Amino acid sequence: MADIATALDELDEEEIEHRFTHCDTTAAYGAPLDLDSVLDAFALLSSFYRTAAEATNAVLIRLN
């Protein structure tokens, strides 16, 4: 968890914007996403992993 939290913390807004502008989200989401929504979601994700790491918790991801 700590490694993931650290990796997410190392990505700044400029890097996320750069990656976002080179990504076509239309096929996955049916419409393009806006950058502000992506930045908000990333902040939540980063916070989630940081909190889990600080509590020494694990995260289980189930993919169907």
N, C-alpha and C. Protein backbone atom coordinates (compact mmCIF):
# COMPACT_ATOMS: atom_id res chain seq x y z
N MET A 1 0.81 -1.18 0.00
CA MET A 1 0.00 0.00 0.00
C MET A 1 0.86 1.26 0.00
N ALA A 2 1.89 1.24 0.78
CA ALA A 2 2.74 2.43 0.87
C ALA A 2 3.37 2.76 -0.47
N ASP A 3 3.76 1.73 -1.23
CA ASP A 3 4.37 1.97 -2.54
C ASP A 3 3.37 2.61 -3.50
N ILE A 4 2.14 2.14 -3.47
CA ILE A 4 1.10 2.71 -4.35
C ILE A 4 0.81 4.15 -3.93
N ALA A 5 0.65 4.38 -2.64
CA ALA A 5 0.38 5.73 -2.15
C ALA A 5 1.50 6.69 -2.53
N THR A 6 2.73 6.25 -2.40
CA THR A 6 3.88 7.08 -2.77
C THR A 6 3.88 7.38 -4.26
N ALA A 7 3.63 6.36 -5.07
CA ALA A 7 3.61 6.55 -6.53
C ALA A 7 2.52 7.54 -6.93
N LEU A 8 1.35 7.44 -6.32
CA LEU A 8 0.27 8.37 -6.63
C LEU A 8 0.62 9.78 -6.19
N ASP A 9 1.24 9.90 -5.02
CA ASP A 9 1.63 11.22 -4.52
C ASP A 9 2.66 11.90 -5.41
N GLU A 10 3.45 11.11 -6.13
CA GLU A 10 4.49 11.67 -6.99
C GLU A 10 3.94 12.24 -8.30
N LEU A 11 2.71 11.91 -8.64
CA LEU A 11 2.10 12.45 -9.85
C LEU A 11 1.50 13.81 -9.53
N ASP A 12 1.97 14.85 -10.21
CA ASP A 12 1.40 16.16 -9.98
C ASP A 12 0.32 16.46 -11.03
N GLU A 13 -0.37 17.56 -10.84
CA GLU A 13 -1.48 17.92 -11.73
C GLU A 13 -1.03 18.06 -13.18
N GLU A 14 0.16 18.60 -13.39
CA GLU A 14 0.68 18.77 -14.75
C GLU A 14 0.86 17.41 -15.45
N GLU A 15 1.38 16.43 -14.73
CA GLU A 15 1.58 15.09 -15.30
C GLU A 15 0.24 14.41 -15.60
N ILE A 16 -0.71 14.57 -14.70
CA ILE A 16 -2.03 13.98 -14.92
C ILE A 16 -2.68 14.62 -16.14
N GLU A 17 -2.59 15.94 -16.24
CA GLU A 17 -3.15 16.63 -17.40
C GLU A 17 -2.48 16.16 -18.69
N HIS A 18 -1.17 15.99 -18.68
CA HIS A 18 -0.45 15.51 -19.86
C HIS A 18 -0.95 14.13 -20.27
N ARG A 19 -1.08 13.24 -19.31
CA ARG A 19 -1.56 11.88 -19.62
C ARG A 19 -3.01 11.91 -20.08
N PHE A 20 -3.82 12.77 -19.47
CA PHE A 20 -5.24 12.86 -19.81
C PHE A 20 -5.43 13.33 -21.25
N THR A 21 -4.65 14.29 -21.69
CA THR A 21 -4.83 14.83 -23.04
C THR A 21 -4.46 13.82 -24.11
N HIS A 22 -3.73 12.77 -23.75
CA HIS A 22 -3.36 11.73 -24.70
C HIS A 22 -4.22 10.48 -24.57
N CYS A 23 -5.34 10.59 -23.88
CA CYS A 23 -6.20 9.44 -23.62
C CYS A 23 -7.61 9.71 -24.16
N ASP A 24 -8.12 8.78 -24.96
CA ASP A 24 -9.49 8.89 -25.47
C ASP A 24 -10.40 8.04 -24.59
N THR A 25 -11.23 8.70 -23.80
CA THR A 25 -12.10 7.99 -22.86
C THR A 25 -13.47 7.68 -23.44
N THR A 26 -13.71 8.09 -24.66
CA THR A 26 -15.03 7.93 -25.27
C THR A 26 -15.48 6.48 -25.30
N ALA A 27 -14.62 5.56 -25.72
CA ALA A 27 -15.01 4.15 -25.83
C ALA A 27 -15.37 3.56 -24.47
N ALA A 28 -14.64 3.92 -23.45
CA ALA A 28 -14.87 3.36 -22.12
C ALA A 28 -16.08 3.98 -21.42
N TYR A 29 -16.29 5.27 -21.61
CA TYR A 29 -17.33 5.98 -20.86
C TYR A 29 -18.47 6.52 -21.72
N GLY A 30 -18.39 6.35 -23.02
CA GLY A 30 -19.46 6.80 -23.90
C GLY A 30 -19.37 8.27 -24.27
N ALA A 31 -18.54 9.00 -23.59
CA ALA A 31 -18.35 10.42 -23.87
C ALA A 31 -17.00 10.83 -23.28
N PRO A 32 -16.43 11.88 -23.80
CA PRO A 32 -15.16 12.33 -23.23
C PRO A 32 -15.35 12.81 -21.79
N LEU A 33 -14.37 12.59 -20.96
CA LEU A 33 -14.38 13.11 -19.60
C LEU A 33 -13.73 14.48 -19.58
N ASP A 34 -14.10 15.30 -18.61
CA ASP A 34 -13.44 16.60 -18.50
C ASP A 34 -12.31 16.50 -17.48
N LEU A 35 -11.30 17.30 -17.66
CA LEU A 35 -10.09 17.24 -16.84
C LEU A 35 -10.40 17.46 -15.37
N ASP A 36 -11.29 18.38 -15.05
CA ASP A 36 -11.60 18.65 -13.64
C ASP A 36 -12.16 17.42 -12.94
N SER A 37 -13.00 16.66 -13.63
CA SER A 37 -13.55 15.43 -13.05
C SER A 37 -12.45 14.41 -12.80
N VAL A 38 -11.53 14.31 -13.74
CA VAL A 38 -10.41 13.37 -13.60
C VAL A 38 -9.52 13.78 -12.43
N LEU A 39 -9.21 15.06 -12.31
CA LEU A 39 -8.37 15.53 -11.21
C LEU A 39 -9.05 15.31 -9.86
N ASP A 40 -10.36 15.55 -9.79
CA ASP A 40 -11.10 15.30 -8.55
C ASP A 40 -11.07 13.82 -8.18
N ALA A 41 -11.31 12.96 -9.16
CA ALA A 41 -11.30 11.52 -8.91
C ALA A 41 -9.91 11.05 -8.50
N PHE A 42 -8.88 11.59 -9.13
CA PHE A 42 -7.51 11.22 -8.78
C PHE A 42 -7.18 11.64 -7.35
N ALA A 43 -7.62 12.81 -6.95
CA ALA A 43 -7.38 13.27 -5.58
C ALA A 43 -8.03 12.33 -4.57
N LEU A 44 -9.25 11.90 -4.86
CA LEU A 44 -9.94 10.95 -3.98
C LEU A 44 -9.21 9.61 -3.92
N LEU A 45 -8.78 9.12 -5.07
CA LEU A 45 -8.06 7.85 -5.13
C LEU A 45 -6.75 7.93 -4.36
N SER A 46 -6.02 9.00 -4.56
CA SER A 46 -4.75 9.18 -3.88
C SER A 46 -4.95 9.25 -2.37
N SER A 47 -5.96 9.98 -1.94
CA SER A 47 -6.26 10.09 -0.52
C SER A 47 -6.65 8.73 0.07
N PHE A 48 -7.44 7.97 -0.66
CA PHE A 48 -7.87 6.64 -0.22
C PHE A 48 -6.66 5.74 0.02
N TYR A 49 -5.75 5.69 -0.94
CA TYR A 49 -4.57 4.83 -0.80
C TYR A 49 -3.63 5.34 0.30
N ARG A 50 -3.50 6.65 0.44
CA ARG A 50 -2.64 7.20 1.48
C ARG A 50 -3.20 6.84 2.87
N THR A 51 -4.52 6.98 3.03
CA THR A 51 -5.16 6.63 4.30
C THR A 51 -5.00 5.15 4.62
N ALA A 52 -5.19 4.30 3.61
CA ALA A 52 -5.03 2.86 3.80
C ALA A 52 -3.59 2.53 4.18
N ALA A 53 -2.64 3.16 3.53
CA ALA A 53 -1.23 2.91 3.82
C ALA A 53 -0.87 3.34 5.25
N GLU A 54 -1.37 4.49 5.65
CA GLU A 54 -1.08 4.99 7.00
C GLU A 54 -1.66 4.07 8.07
N ALA A 55 -2.77 3.43 7.77
CA ALA A 55 -3.41 2.50 8.71
C ALA A 55 -2.88 1.08 8.55
N THR A 56 -1.91 0.91 7.67
CA THR A 56 -1.35 -0.40 7.30
C THR A 56 -2.44 -1.40 6.90
N ASN A 57 -3.42 -0.89 6.18
CA ASN A 57 -4.49 -1.73 5.64
C ASN A 57 -4.14 -2.18 4.24
N ALA A 58 -4.84 -3.20 3.79
CA ALA A 58 -4.71 -3.68 2.42
C ALA A 58 -5.93 -3.24 1.63
N VAL A 59 -5.83 -3.27 0.32
CA VAL A 59 -6.95 -2.97 -0.56
C VAL A 59 -7.16 -4.17 -1.46
N LEU A 60 -8.38 -4.64 -1.51
CA LEU A 60 -8.74 -5.76 -2.36
C LEU A 60 -9.56 -5.22 -3.52
N ILE A 61 -9.15 -5.54 -4.73
CA ILE A 61 -9.84 -5.09 -5.93
C ILE A 61 -10.40 -6.32 -6.63
N ARG A 62 -11.70 -6.31 -6.85
CA ARG A 62 -12.35 -7.42 -7.54
C ARG A 62 -12.72 -6.97 -8.95
N LEU A 63 -12.22 -7.67 -9.93
CA LEU A 63 -12.51 -7.37 -11.33
C LEU A 63 -13.41 -8.46 -11.89
N ASN A 64 -14.46 -8.07 -12.53
CA ASN A 64 -15.36 -9.05 -13.16
C ASN A 64 -15.09 -9.15 -14.62
